[in-house]
Amino acid sequence: MADRLTIDATDLRKRYGAVDALCGLALGVPAGSIYGFLGRNGAGKTTTLKVLLGMARPDAGEARVFGLDATKEAASVDIRRRTAFVSEEKDLYDYMTVDEMIHFTSSFYPRWRKDLAARYRRTFDLPGDRKGKALSRGTRTKLALLLALCRGAELLILDEPTSGLDPAVSEEVLQALVSYVDSAETTVFFSSHQIAEVDQIADHVTIVDRGRAIVQGALDDVRARYRSIQLVFDGDAPAVTFRAPGVVRAWREHRVLTVLSSAGADEIVDEARGLNPVSVTVTPLTLKDIFLETVMKEK
């Protein structure tokens, strides 16, 4: 890959008892990207984040962050020093006020951005005198995000950043991420099962299912590659195995044969014309369509 990679992982495998959490997962996250890691609950997203941060060791494979081996203790300490991580739980000190948490956290980071802290404090309307235990889920998320964004990290890793939030707060969080990346030299890698938020802000995406990457690439390229080709026949649609590349799956319903392709439509359409269909319709797919169709195939 020509782009410089902040995260580079190959053939990651991790098993918990009888459960395979990761089954040969590969990742390449370009520096400066907003990278969406999309999958259902239990697909292997959180396990991947733990491996990248050195919080869990893979049974096999390699994971490098900033070129450092995340499976080595000394390297993982350096990775965490250069990375801001916001967990799904949005852990905070319940006995501290908002202002105390901001002041306390800032003391650990020489590159702390006071200007950003003041901006997000206003933008998120954070109550400075309120203790962590009294904050709503949405306010906890916004505070956790402020603490992550302002430390001058080279990589921001978020686990389900908008989980449980109402649409208005979710939009605030997403817009804050976009504006932050636009103004800082950093990479954002966020896991989610919310298709719309990945579609809204990500420029690269991996769809993961059962511990494996099933769709991967720049989001515009992914959209350009995937097509639905619908063939209508005079009688029942024929049973056929296409030789053209990129066929994800094909299914028949009476007179209609539908083909899902991950390599455009031209070669499949050329091959399909030999079957003498009455009509051929090619339809672009949204990220939601791609997610549902590819994950459906994996069931």
Protein backbone atom coordinates (compact mmCIF):
# COMPACT_ATOMS: atom_id res chain seq x y z
CA MET A 1 0.00 0.00 0.00
CA ALA A 2 1.44 3.35 -1.07
CA ASP A 3 0.05 5.32 1.88
CA ARG A 4 2.06 5.45 5.10
CA LEU A 5 0.23 3.23 7.56
CA THR A 6 -0.42 4.16 11.18
CA ILE A 7 -1.87 0.69 11.81
CA ASP A 8 -0.64 -2.36 9.93
CA ALA A 9 -1.93 -5.77 11.01
CA THR A 10 -1.74 -9.13 9.25
CA ASP A 11 -3.33 -12.51 9.96
CA LEU A 12 -4.44 -11.65 13.51
CA ARG A 13 -5.89 -14.61 15.39
CA LYS A 14 -7.30 -14.69 18.90
CA ARG A 15 -9.31 -17.40 20.63
CA TYR A 16 -11.15 -17.20 23.94
CA GLY A 17 -12.00 -20.74 25.02
CA ALA A 18 -14.15 -22.18 22.26
CA VAL A 19 -14.78 -18.79 20.64
CA ASP A 20 -12.66 -17.53 17.74
CA ALA A 21 -12.64 -13.74 18.22
CA LEU A 22 -10.18 -13.04 15.38
CA CYS A 23 -9.67 -15.36 12.41
CA GLY A 24 -6.87 -14.00 10.25
CA LEU A 25 -7.84 -10.33 10.38
CA ALA A 26 -5.76 -7.90 8.31
CA LEU A 27 -5.84 -4.09 8.60
CA GLY A 28 -4.05 -1.21 6.92
CA VAL A 29 -5.00 2.21 8.32
CA PRO A 30 -3.45 5.14 6.39
CA ALA A 31 -2.00 8.00 8.41
CA GLY A 32 -4.34 10.99 8.56
CA SER A 33 -7.47 8.99 7.74
CA ILE A 34 -10.79 8.64 9.53
CA TYR A 35 -11.11 4.89 9.46
CA GLY A 36 -14.42 3.18 10.27
CA PHE A 37 -14.26 -0.36 11.67
CA LEU A 38 -17.78 -1.60 11.07
CA GLY A 39 -19.36 -4.81 12.29
CA ARG A 40 -22.11 -6.40 14.29
CA ASN A 41 -21.80 -6.81 18.06
CA GLY A 42 -19.44 -9.73 18.68
CA ALA A 43 -17.74 -9.42 15.28
CA GLY A 44 -14.27 -8.94 16.82
CA LYS A 45 -14.01 -5.16 16.94
CA THR A 46 -13.17 -4.68 20.63
CA THR A 47 -10.69 -7.57 20.61
CA THR A 48 -8.89 -5.91 17.71
CA LEU A 49 -8.63 -2.62 19.60
CA LYS A 50 -7.21 -4.41 22.65
CA VAL A 51 -4.57 -6.13 20.51
CA LEU A 52 -3.55 -2.83 18.88
CA LEU A 53 -3.17 -1.20 22.30
CA GLY A 54 -1.23 -4.11 23.80
CA MET A 55 -4.08 -4.93 26.18
CA ALA A 56 -4.44 -8.42 24.68
CA ARG A 57 -1.96 -10.62 22.86
CA PRO A 58 -2.94 -12.37 19.65
CA ASP A 59 -2.43 -16.11 19.35
CA ALA A 60 -0.92 -15.53 15.91
CA GLY A 61 -0.29 -12.74 13.42
CA GLU A 62 1.38 -9.35 13.60
CA ALA A 63 0.10 -5.94 14.70
CA ARG A 64 2.14 -2.77 14.23
CA VAL A 65 1.15 0.75 15.29
CA PHE A 66 3.49 3.60 14.26
CA GLY A 67 5.72 0.79 12.98
CA LEU A 68 6.03 -0.62 16.53
CA ASP A 69 5.18 -4.21 17.43
CA ALA A 70 2.04 -3.98 19.60
CA THR A 71 2.69 -7.48 21.01
CA LYS A 72 5.93 -6.34 22.71
CA GLU A 73 5.56 -4.81 26.17
CA ALA A 74 7.98 -1.90 25.75
CA ALA A 75 6.59 -1.01 22.31
CA SER A 76 2.99 -1.18 23.52
CA VAL A 77 3.79 1.35 26.26
CA ASP A 78 5.08 3.77 23.60
CA ILE A 79 1.99 3.10 21.45
CA ARG A 80 -0.33 3.97 24.33
CA ARG A 81 1.71 7.10 25.09
CA ARG A 82 1.12 8.33 21.54
CA THR A 83 -2.52 7.19 21.37
CA ALA A 84 -5.74 8.50 22.91
CA PHE A 85 -8.27 5.75 23.61
CA VAL A 86 -11.93 6.19 24.48
CA SER A 87 -13.56 2.93 25.57
CA GLU A 88 -17.22 2.08 25.10
CA GLU A 89 -17.70 2.49 28.88
CA LYS A 90 -16.35 6.12 28.80
CA ASP A 91 -14.48 5.58 32.09
CA LEU A 92 -14.13 8.73 34.22
CA TYR A 93 -13.32 9.63 37.83
CA ASP A 94 -16.74 9.82 39.43
CA TYR A 95 -15.52 11.79 42.47
CA MET A 96 -13.97 14.59 40.39
CA THR A 97 -15.78 17.51 38.81
CA VAL A 98 -15.53 18.16 35.08
CA ASP A 99 -13.03 20.98 35.57
CA GLU A 100 -10.95 18.87 37.98
CA MET A 101 -10.79 16.02 35.46
CA ILE A 102 -9.66 18.37 32.70
CA HIS A 103 -6.98 19.91 34.94
CA PHE A 104 -5.84 16.52 36.28
CA THR A 105 -5.61 14.92 32.83
CA SER A 106 -3.79 17.88 31.28
CA SER A 107 -0.96 17.53 33.82
CA PHE A 108 0.13 14.23 32.24
CA TYR A 109 0.47 15.48 28.65
CA PRO A 110 3.16 18.00 27.64
CA ARG A 111 1.39 18.56 24.31
CA TRP A 112 -1.98 19.30 25.96
CA ARG A 113 -4.01 21.79 23.90
CA LYS A 114 -5.51 24.36 26.27
CA ASP A 115 -7.13 26.16 23.36
CA LEU A 116 -8.94 23.01 22.24
CA ALA A 117 -9.99 22.19 25.80
CA ALA A 118 -11.56 25.65 26.16
CA ARG A 119 -13.27 25.31 22.77
CA TYR A 120 -14.74 21.86 23.42
CA ARG A 121 -15.73 22.88 26.95
CA ARG A 122 -17.91 25.59 25.36
CA THR A 123 -19.04 23.56 22.32
CA PHE A 124 -20.11 20.59 24.43
CA ASP A 125 -21.63 22.84 27.14
CA LEU A 126 -19.90 20.86 29.88
CA PRO A 127 -20.89 21.75 33.48
CA GLY A 128 -17.53 22.43 35.10
CA ASP A 129 -18.68 22.04 38.72
CA ARG A 130 -20.58 18.77 38.25
CA LYS A 131 -19.01 15.50 39.39
CA GLY A 132 -18.54 12.55 37.07
CA LYS A 133 -21.10 10.39 38.84
CA ALA A 134 -23.79 13.01 38.14
CA LEU A 135 -23.16 13.27 34.40
CA SER A 136 -25.56 11.87 31.82
CA ARG A 137 -24.30 9.31 29.34
CA GLY A 138 -24.11 11.90 26.59
CA THR A 139 -22.18 14.35 28.77
CA ARG A 140 -19.78 11.60 29.88
CA THR A 141 -19.09 10.80 26.23
CA LYS A 142 -18.42 14.44 25.37
CA LEU A 143 -16.07 14.84 28.34
CA ALA A 144 -14.21 11.62 27.49
CA LEU A 145 -13.83 12.86 23.93
CA LEU A 146 -12.50 16.25 25.11
CA LEU A 147 -9.90 14.51 27.30
CA ALA A 148 -8.81 12.40 24.32
CA LEU A 149 -8.75 15.15 21.68
CA CYS A 150 -6.76 17.66 23.70
CA ARG A 151 -3.76 15.54 24.65
CA GLY A 152 -1.98 15.95 21.30
CA ALA A 153 -2.14 12.26 20.38
CA GLU A 154 -1.03 10.98 16.98
CA LEU A 155 -3.76 8.33 16.94
CA LEU A 156 -7.29 8.43 18.34
CA ILE A 157 -8.96 5.05 18.92
CA LEU A 158 -12.67 5.05 19.78
CA ASP A 159 -14.76 2.04 20.71
CA GLU A 160 -18.43 2.62 19.78
CA PRO A 161 -18.18 6.40 20.39
CA THR A 162 -21.91 7.13 19.95
CA SER A 163 -23.32 4.03 21.64
CA GLY A 164 -26.48 4.88 23.58
CA LEU A 165 -26.51 8.55 22.60
CA ASP A 166 -29.49 10.45 21.23
CA PRO A 167 -29.21 11.71 17.62
CA ALA A 168 -28.37 15.29 18.60
CA VAL A 169 -25.46 14.31 20.86
CA SER A 170 -24.25 11.75 18.30
CA GLU A 171 -24.10 14.49 15.68
CA GLU A 172 -22.09 16.74 18.03
CA VAL A 173 -19.57 13.95 18.60
CA LEU A 174 -19.19 13.13 14.90
CA GLN A 175 -18.78 16.76 13.88
CA ALA A 176 -16.16 17.25 16.60
CA LEU A 177 -14.16 14.33 15.17
CA VAL A 178 -14.30 15.72 11.64
CA SER A 179 -13.26 19.24 12.68
CA TYR A 180 -10.46 17.84 14.84
CA VAL A 181 -8.93 15.78 12.03
CA ASP A 182 -9.17 18.78 9.71
CA SER A 183 -7.08 20.86 12.14
CA ALA A 184 -4.60 18.29 13.52
CA GLU A 185 -2.10 15.80 12.16
CA THR A 186 -3.71 12.69 13.52
CA THR A 187 -5.45 9.45 12.56
CA VAL A 188 -8.87 8.36 13.84
CA PHE A 189 -9.74 4.67 14.06
CA PHE A 190 -13.22 4.03 15.40
CA SER A 191 -15.24 0.86 15.80
CA SER A 192 -18.99 0.95 15.34
CA HIS A 193 -22.04 -1.04 14.41
CA GLN A 194 -23.78 2.15 13.28
CA ILE A 195 -23.62 2.18 9.48
CA ALA A 196 -24.83 5.77 9.12
CA GLU A 197 -22.07 7.30 11.24
CA VAL A 198 -19.34 5.41 9.37
CA ASP A 199 -20.90 6.51 6.08
CA GLN A 200 -21.05 10.11 7.31
CA ILE A 201 -17.46 10.73 8.44
CA ALA A 202 -15.15 7.86 7.41
CA ASP A 203 -12.91 7.99 4.35
CA HIS A 204 -11.78 4.35 4.76
CA VAL A 205 -13.70 1.35 6.05
CA THR A 206 -13.35 -2.27 7.03
CA ILE A 207 -16.43 -4.41 7.49
CA VAL A 208 -15.55 -7.21 9.90
CA ASP A 209 -17.62 -10.30 10.62
CA ARG A 210 -16.73 -13.32 12.73
CA GLY A 211 -13.21 -12.04 13.19
CA ARG A 212 -12.41 -11.56 9.49
CA ALA A 213 -12.36 -8.53 7.19
CA ILE A 214 -14.96 -9.14 4.48
CA VAL A 215 -14.92 -5.67 2.86
CA GLN A 216 -12.01 -3.23 2.98
CA GLY A 217 -10.73 -0.07 1.32
CA ALA A 218 -11.24 3.63 0.73
CA LEU A 219 -14.97 4.25 1.13
CA ASP A 220 -15.39 5.86 -2.30
CA ASP A 221 -13.58 2.90 -3.90
CA VAL A 222 -15.77 0.42 -2.04
CA ARG A 223 -18.91 2.18 -3.24
CA ALA A 224 -17.54 2.26 -6.80
CA ARG A 225 -16.76 -1.47 -6.82
CA TYR A 226 -20.01 -2.91 -5.49
CA ARG A 227 -22.94 -3.34 -7.85
CA SER A 228 -26.19 -5.27 -7.93
CA ILE A 229 -26.95 -6.77 -11.35
CA GLN A 230 -30.54 -7.91 -11.92
CA LEU A 231 -31.31 -10.18 -14.87
CA VAL A 232 -34.92 -10.86 -15.91
CA PHE A 233 -35.79 -13.85 -18.14
CA ASP A 234 -38.86 -14.99 -20.08
CA GLY A 235 -39.13 -18.10 -17.92
CA ASP A 236 -37.50 -19.22 -14.68
CA ALA A 237 -34.02 -17.77 -14.14
CA PRO A 238 -31.29 -20.30 -14.99
CA ALA A 239 -28.94 -21.79 -12.42
CA VAL A 240 -25.52 -20.50 -13.44
CA THR A 241 -22.04 -20.11 -11.97
CA PHE A 242 -20.37 -16.97 -13.29
CA ARG A 243 -16.69 -17.05 -14.27
CA ALA A 244 -16.32 -13.26 -14.09
CA PRO A 245 -14.36 -11.95 -11.06
CA GLY A 246 -15.99 -10.30 -8.09
CA VAL A 247 -19.18 -12.36 -7.70
CA VAL A 248 -20.04 -12.20 -4.01
CA ARG A 249 -23.24 -14.19 -4.35
CA ALA A 250 -26.10 -14.85 -6.76
CA TRP A 251 -29.69 -15.86 -6.09
CA ARG A 252 -32.79 -16.68 -8.12
CA GLU A 253 -36.42 -15.72 -7.57
CA HIS A 254 -38.66 -17.06 -10.30
CA ARG A 255 -37.77 -15.06 -13.46
CA VAL A 256 -35.14 -12.90 -11.76
CA LEU A 257 -31.45 -13.68 -11.21
CA THR A 258 -29.64 -11.17 -8.99
CA VAL A 259 -25.86 -10.99 -8.76
CA LEU A 260 -23.93 -9.05 -6.13
CA SER A 261 -20.50 -8.00 -7.43
CA SER A 262 -17.47 -6.52 -5.66
CA ALA A 263 -15.62 -5.80 -8.94
CA GLY A 264 -18.02 -3.65 -10.92
CA ALA A 265 -20.59 -4.92 -13.38
CA ASP A 266 -19.08 -4.91 -16.87
CA GLU A 267 -17.61 -8.42 -17.02
CA ILE A 268 -20.62 -10.00 -15.35
CA VAL A 269 -23.01 -8.20 -17.71
CA ASP A 270 -20.96 -9.33 -20.74
CA GLU A 271 -21.11 -12.92 -19.54
CA ALA A 272 -24.79 -12.67 -18.65
CA ARG A 273 -25.78 -11.56 -22.16
CA GLY A 274 -24.99 -15.06 -23.33
CA LEU A 275 -27.92 -16.24 -21.20
CA ASN A 276 -30.33 -14.10 -23.28
CA PRO A 277 -32.05 -12.17 -20.48
CA VAL A 278 -35.03 -9.97 -21.33
CA SER A 279 -33.52 -7.08 -19.35
CA VAL A 280 -30.39 -6.21 -17.40
CA THR A 281 -30.38 -3.58 -14.63
CA VAL A 282 -27.22 -2.44 -12.82
CA THR A 283 -27.66 -0.63 -9.50
CA PRO A 284 -25.00 1.07 -7.32
CA LEU A 285 -25.06 0.07 -3.65
CA THR A 286 -24.97 2.20 -0.51
CA LEU A 287 -22.69 1.27 2.38
CA LYS A 288 -25.77 -0.05 4.17
CA ASP A 289 -26.60 -2.29 1.20
CA ILE A 290 -23.01 -3.55 1.05
CA PHE A 291 -22.95 -4.24 4.78
CA LEU A 292 -26.23 -6.13 4.80
CA GLU A 293 -25.49 -8.14 1.67
CA THR A 294 -21.95 -9.16 2.63
CA VAL A 295 -22.74 -9.93 6.27
CA MET A 296 -25.79 -11.90 5.09
CA LYS A 297 -23.49 -14.03 2.97
CA GLU A 298 -21.37 -14.81 6.03
CA LYS A 299 -24.25 -16.25 8.04
